[in-house]
């Protein structure tokens, strides 16, 4: 936590085992490992969440 900002770093991990349906069509599974690093940010004001950004 840094003042009125809370940040969280995380990693979404898994294996691509099922079809992925997208607006452009379906992507067939490959069995590949997936590792997507990401971060979440909460912006607070007077103890309440004013904005959330992922």
PDB file of N, CA and C in Angstrom:
ATOM      1  N   UNK A   1       0.854  -1.177   0.000  1.00  0.00           N
ATOM      2  CA  UNK A   1       0.000   0.000   0.000  1.00  0.00           C
ATOM      3  C   UNK A   1       0.896   1.234   0.000  1.00  0.00           C
ATOM      4  N   UNK A   2       0.531   2.192  -0.826  1.00  0.00           N
ATOM      5  CA  UNK A   2       1.291   3.427  -0.942  1.00  0.00           C
ATOM      6  C   UNK A   2       0.306   4.591  -0.851  1.00  0.00           C
ATOM      7  N   UNK A   3       0.084   5.111   0.359  1.00  0.00           N
ATOM      8  CA  UNK A   3      -0.892   6.183   0.529  1.00  0.00           C
ATOM      9  C   UNK A   3      -2.291   5.685   0.237  1.00  0.00           C
ATOM     10  N   UNK A   4      -2.931   6.274  -0.772  1.00  0.00           N
ATOM     11  CA  UNK A   4      -4.287   5.882  -1.147  1.00  0.00           C
ATOM     12  C   UNK A   4      -4.320   4.950  -2.352  1.00  0.00           C
ATOM     13  N   UNK A   5      -3.179   4.281  -2.643  1.00  0.00           N
ATOM     14  CA  UNK A   5      -3.119   3.337  -3.760  1.00  0.00           C
ATOM     15  C   UNK A   5      -2.687   1.971  -3.234  1.00  0.00           C
ATOM     16  N   UNK A   6      -3.456   0.945  -3.542  1.00  0.00           N
ATOM     17  CA  UNK A   6      -3.102  -0.430  -3.204  1.00  0.00           C
ATOM     18  C   UNK A   6      -2.764  -1.129  -4.513  1.00  0.00           C
ATOM     19  N   UNK A   7      -1.592  -1.758  -4.580  1.00  0.00           N
ATOM     20  CA  UNK A   7      -1.199  -2.464  -5.798  1.00  0.00           C
ATOM     21  C   UNK A   7      -0.882  -3.917  -5.467  1.00  0.00           C
ATOM     22  N   UNK A   8      -1.188  -4.790  -6.421  1.00  0.00           N
ATOM     23  CA  UNK A   8      -0.977  -6.215  -6.247  1.00  0.00           C
ATOM     24  C   UNK A   8      -0.416  -6.778  -7.545  1.00  0.00           C
ATOM     25  N   UNK A   9       0.746  -7.420  -7.465  1.00  0.00           N
ATOM     26  CA  UNK A   9       1.342  -8.069  -8.626  1.00  0.00           C
ATOM     27  C   UNK A   9       1.029  -9.556  -8.536  1.00  0.00           C
ATOM     28  N   UNK A  10       0.574 -10.142  -9.649  1.00  0.00           N
ATOM     29  CA  UNK A  10       0.237 -11.554  -9.648  1.00  0.00           C
ATOM     30  C   UNK A  10       0.539 -12.179 -10.995  1.00  0.00           C
ATOM     31  N   UNK A  11       0.434 -13.499 -11.068  1.00  0.00           N
ATOM     32  CA  UNK A  11       0.670 -14.224 -12.305  1.00  0.00           C
ATOM     33  C   UNK A  11      -0.447 -15.240 -12.491  1.00  0.00           C
ATOM     34  N   UNK A  12      -1.073 -15.222 -13.652  1.00  0.00           N
ATOM     35  CA  UNK A  12      -2.114 -16.181 -13.993  1.00  0.00           C
ATOM     36  C   UNK A  12      -1.422 -17.318 -14.750  1.00  0.00           C
ATOM     37  N   UNK A  13      -1.478 -18.524 -14.191  1.00  0.00           N
ATOM     38  CA  UNK A  13      -0.763 -19.652 -14.779  1.00  0.00           C
ATOM     39  C   UNK A  13      -1.706 -20.802 -15.064  1.00  0.00           C
ATOM     40  N   UNK A  14      -1.395 -21.574 -16.097  1.00  0.00           N
ATOM     41  CA  UNK A  14      -2.204 -22.734 -16.430  1.00  0.00           C
ATOM     42  C   UNK A  14      -1.693 -23.402 -17.686  1.00  0.00           C
ATOM     43  N   UNK A  15      -2.522 -24.306 -18.226  1.00  0.00           N
ATOM     44  CA  UNK A  15      -2.197 -25.029 -19.449  1.00  0.00           C
ATOM     45  C   UNK A  15      -3.367 -24.856 -20.420  1.00  0.00           C
ATOM     46  N   UNK A  16      -3.063 -24.580 -21.670  1.00  0.00           N
ATOM     47  CA  UNK A  16      -4.066 -24.331 -22.707  1.00  0.00           C
ATOM     48  C   UNK A  16      -4.641 -25.674 -23.165  1.00  0.00           C
ATOM     49  N   UNK A  17      -5.694 -26.143 -22.450  1.00  0.00           N
ATOM     50  CA  UNK A  17      -6.253 -27.475 -22.680  1.00  0.00           C
ATOM     51  C   UNK A  17      -7.611 -27.487 -23.358  1.00  0.00           C
ATOM     52  N   UNK A  18      -8.265 -26.361 -23.462  1.00  0.00           N
ATOM     53  CA  UNK A  18      -9.605 -26.343 -24.061  1.00  0.00           C
ATOM     54  C   UNK A  18      -9.710 -25.267 -25.116  1.00  0.00           C
ATOM     55  N   UNK A  19     -10.750 -25.330 -25.954  1.00  0.00           N
ATOM     56  CA  UNK A  19     -10.911 -24.318 -26.995  1.00  0.00           C
ATOM     57  C   UNK A  19     -11.152 -22.933 -26.390  1.00  0.00           C
ATOM     58  N   UNK A  20     -10.603 -21.917 -27.049  1.00  0.00           N
ATOM     59  CA  UNK A  20     -10.762 -20.529 -26.617  1.00  0.00           C
ATOM     60  C   UNK A  20     -11.620 -19.824 -27.659  1.00  0.00           C
ATOM     61  N   UNK A  21     -12.850 -19.502 -27.289  1.00  0.00           N
ATOM     62  CA  UNK A  21     -13.768 -18.837 -28.209  1.00  0.00           C
ATOM     63  C   UNK A  21     -13.542 -17.334 -28.164  1.00  0.00           C
ATOM     64  N   UNK A  22     -13.300 -16.728 -29.314  1.00  0.00           N
ATOM     65  CA  UNK A  22     -13.075 -15.291 -29.421  1.00  0.00           C
ATOM     66  C   UNK A  22     -13.997 -14.733 -30.503  1.00  0.00           C
ATOM     67  N   UNK A  23     -14.180 -13.420 -30.563  1.00  0.00           N
ATOM     68  CA  UNK A  23     -14.996 -12.834 -31.629  1.00  0.00           C
ATOM     69  C   UNK A  23     -14.453 -13.162 -33.030  1.00  0.00           C
ATOM     70  N   UNK A  24     -13.152 -13.426 -33.136  1.00  0.00           N
ATOM     71  CA  UNK A  24     -12.543 -13.736 -34.435  1.00  0.00           C
ATOM     72  C   UNK A  24     -12.633 -15.222 -34.781  1.00  0.00           C
ATOM     73  N   UNK A  25     -13.143 -16.027 -33.863  1.00  0.00           N
ATOM     74  CA  UNK A  25     -13.240 -17.465 -34.092  1.00  0.00           C
ATOM     75  C   UNK A  25     -12.669 -18.239 -32.923  1.00  0.00           C
ATOM     76  N   UNK A  26     -12.666 -19.556 -33.036  1.00  0.00           N
ATOM     77  CA  UNK A  26     -12.195 -20.417 -31.956  1.00  0.00           C
ATOM     78  C   UNK A  26     -10.730 -20.780 -32.174  1.00  0.00           C
ATOM     79  N   UNK A  27      -9.937 -20.657 -31.106  1.00  0.00           N
ATOM     80  CA  UNK A  27      -8.539 -21.069 -31.129  1.00  0.00           C
ATOM     81  C   UNK A  27      -8.485 -22.448 -30.477  1.00  0.00           C
ATOM     82  N   UNK A  28      -7.970 -23.412 -31.211  1.00  0.00           N
ATOM     83  CA  UNK A  28      -7.901 -24.779 -30.695  1.00  0.00           C
ATOM     84  C   UNK A  28      -6.765 -24.910 -29.679  1.00  0.00           C
ATOM     85  N   UNK A  29      -6.939 -25.781 -28.660  1.00  0.00           N
ATOM     86  CA  UNK A  29      -5.920 -25.942 -27.616  1.00  0.00           C
ATOM     87  C   UNK A  29      -4.631 -26.540 -28.163  1.00  0.00           C
ATOM     88  N   UNK A  30      -3.514 -26.158 -27.534  1.00  0.00           N
ATOM     89  CA  UNK A  30      -2.200 -26.638 -27.954  1.00  0.00           C
ATOM     90  C   UNK A  30      -1.483 -27.411 -26.843  1.00  0.00           C
ATOM     91  N   UNK A  31      -1.986 -27.330 -25.614  1.00  0.00           N
ATOM     92  CA  UNK A  31      -1.305 -27.956 -24.478  1.00  0.00           C
ATOM     93  C   UNK A  31      -0.157 -27.116 -23.938  1.00  0.00           C
ATOM     94  N   UNK A  32       0.015 -25.909 -24.480  1.00  0.00           N
ATOM     95  CA  UNK A  32       1.109 -25.034 -24.056  1.00  0.00           C
ATOM     96  C   UNK A  32       0.871 -24.494 -22.646  1.00  0.00           C
ATOM     97  N   UNK A  33       1.946 -24.263 -21.923  1.00  0.00           N
ATOM     98  CA  UNK A  33       1.873 -23.606 -20.616  1.00  0.00           C
ATOM     99  C   UNK A  33       1.589 -22.125 -20.829  1.00  0.00           C
ATOM    100  N   UNK A  34       0.770 -21.554 -19.950  1.00  0.00           N
ATOM    101  CA  UNK A  34       0.407 -20.140 -20.024  1.00  0.00           C
ATOM    102  C   UNK A  34       0.872 -19.472 -18.736  1.00  0.00           C
ATOM    103  N   UNK A  35       1.547 -18.342 -18.854  1.00  0.00           N
ATOM    104  CA  UNK A  35       1.991 -17.576 -17.692  1.00  0.00           C
ATOM    105  C   UNK A  35       1.831 -16.102 -18.041  1.00  0.00           C
ATOM    106  N   UNK A  36       0.806 -15.477 -17.485  1.00  0.00           N
ATOM    107  CA  UNK A  36       0.500 -14.083 -17.807  1.00  0.00           C
ATOM    108  C   UNK A  36       0.697 -13.209 -16.574  1.00  0.00           C
ATOM    109  N   UNK A  37       1.832 -12.513 -16.471  1.00  0.00           N
ATOM    110  CA  UNK A  37       2.027 -11.599 -15.345  1.00  0.00           C
ATOM    111  C   UNK A  37       1.086 -10.401 -15.486  1.00  0.00           C
ATOM    112  N   UNK A  38       0.575  -9.939 -14.375  1.00  0.00           N
ATOM    113  CA  UNK A  38      -0.376  -8.825 -14.390  1.00  0.00           C
ATOM    114  C   UNK A  38      -0.304  -8.070 -13.064  1.00  0.00           C
ATOM    115  N   UNK A  39      -1.061  -7.000 -12.973  1.00  0.00           N
ATOM    116  CA  UNK A  39      -1.120  -6.214 -11.730  1.00  0.00           C
ATOM    117  C   UNK A  39      -2.502  -5.598 -11.583  1.00  0.00           C
ATOM    118  N   UNK A  40      -2.936  -5.439 -10.349  1.00  0.00           N
ATOM    119  CA  UNK A  40      -4.199  -4.775 -10.026  1.00  0.00           C
ATOM    120  C   UNK A  40      -3.883  -3.538  -9.189  1.00  0.00           C
ATOM    121  N   UNK A  41      -4.653  -2.491  -9.404  1.00  0.00           N
ATOM    122  CA  UNK A  41      -4.485  -1.255  -8.644  1.00  0.00           C
ATOM    123  C   UNK A  41      -5.835  -0.776  -8.133  1.00  0.00           C
ATOM    124  N   UNK A  42      -5.900  -0.479  -6.838  1.00  0.00           N
ATOM    125  CA  UNK A  42      -7.085   0.103  -6.223  1.00  0.00           C
ATOM    126  C   UNK A  42      -6.734   1.510  -5.783  1.00  0.00           C
ATOM    127  N   UNK A  43      -7.531   2.472  -6.193  1.00  0.00           N
ATOM    128  CA  UNK A  43      -7.339   3.867  -5.808  1.00  0.00           C
ATOM    129  C   UNK A  43      -8.424   4.211  -4.801  1.00  0.00           C
ATOM    130  N   UNK A  44      -8.013   4.605  -3.601  1.00  0.00           N
ATOM    131  CA  UNK A  44      -8.940   4.853  -2.497  1.00  0.00           C
ATOM    132  C   UNK A  44      -9.094   6.341  -2.221  1.00  0.00           C
ATOM    133  N   UNK A  45     -10.259   6.677  -1.660  1.00  0.00           N
ATOM    134  CA  UNK A  45     -10.513   8.034  -1.185  1.00  0.00           C
ATOM    135  C   UNK A  45     -11.427   7.921   0.021  1.00  0.00           C
ATOM    136  N   UNK A  46     -10.975   8.441   1.156  1.00  0.00           N
ATOM    137  CA  UNK A  46     -11.727   8.352   2.412  1.00  0.00           C
ATOM    138  C   UNK A  46     -12.085   6.903   2.764  1.00  0.00           C
ATOM    139  N   UNK A  47     -11.164   5.987   2.506  1.00  0.00           N
ATOM    140  CA  UNK A  47     -11.361   4.591   2.875  1.00  0.00           C
ATOM    141  C   UNK A  47     -12.233   3.791   1.936  1.00  0.00           C
ATOM    142  N   UNK A  48     -12.666   4.386   0.828  1.00  0.00           N
ATOM    143  CA  UNK A  48     -13.521   3.681  -0.135  1.00  0.00           C
ATOM    144  C   UNK A  48     -12.811   3.605  -1.483  1.00  0.00           C
ATOM    145  N   UNK A  49     -13.103   2.520  -2.215  1.00  0.00           N
ATOM    146  CA  UNK A  49     -12.513   2.363  -3.545  1.00  0.00           C
ATOM    147  C   UNK A  49     -13.172   3.344  -4.501  1.00  0.00           C
ATOM    148  N   UNK A  50     -12.350   4.199  -5.078  1.00  0.00           N
ATOM    149  CA  UNK A  50     -12.845   5.189  -6.022  1.00  0.00           C
ATOM    150  C   UNK A  50     -12.664   4.686  -7.471  1.00  0.00           C
ATOM    151  N   UNK A  51     -11.594   3.900  -7.665  1.00  0.00           N
ATOM    152  CA  UNK A  51     -11.297   3.406  -9.012  1.00  0.00           C
ATOM    153  C   UNK A  51     -10.524   2.101  -8.879  1.00  0.00           C
ATOM    154  N   UNK A  52     -10.806   1.156  -9.763  1.00  0.00           N
ATOM    155  CA  UNK A  52     -10.082  -0.113  -9.813  1.00  0.00           C
ATOM    156  C   UNK A  52      -9.551  -0.293 -11.220  1.00  0.00           C
ATOM    157  N   UNK A  53      -8.274  -0.637 -11.348  1.00  0.00           N
ATOM    158  CA  UNK A  53      -7.654  -0.809 -12.654  1.00  0.00           C
ATOM    159  C   UNK A  53      -6.893  -2.125 -12.657  1.00  0.00           C
ATOM    160  N   UNK A  54      -7.155  -2.946 -13.654  1.00  0.00           N
ATOM    161  CA  UNK A  54      -6.516  -4.255 -13.740  1.00  0.00           C
ATOM    162  C   UNK A  54      -5.743  -4.340 -15.037  1.00  0.00           C
TER     163      UNK A  54
END
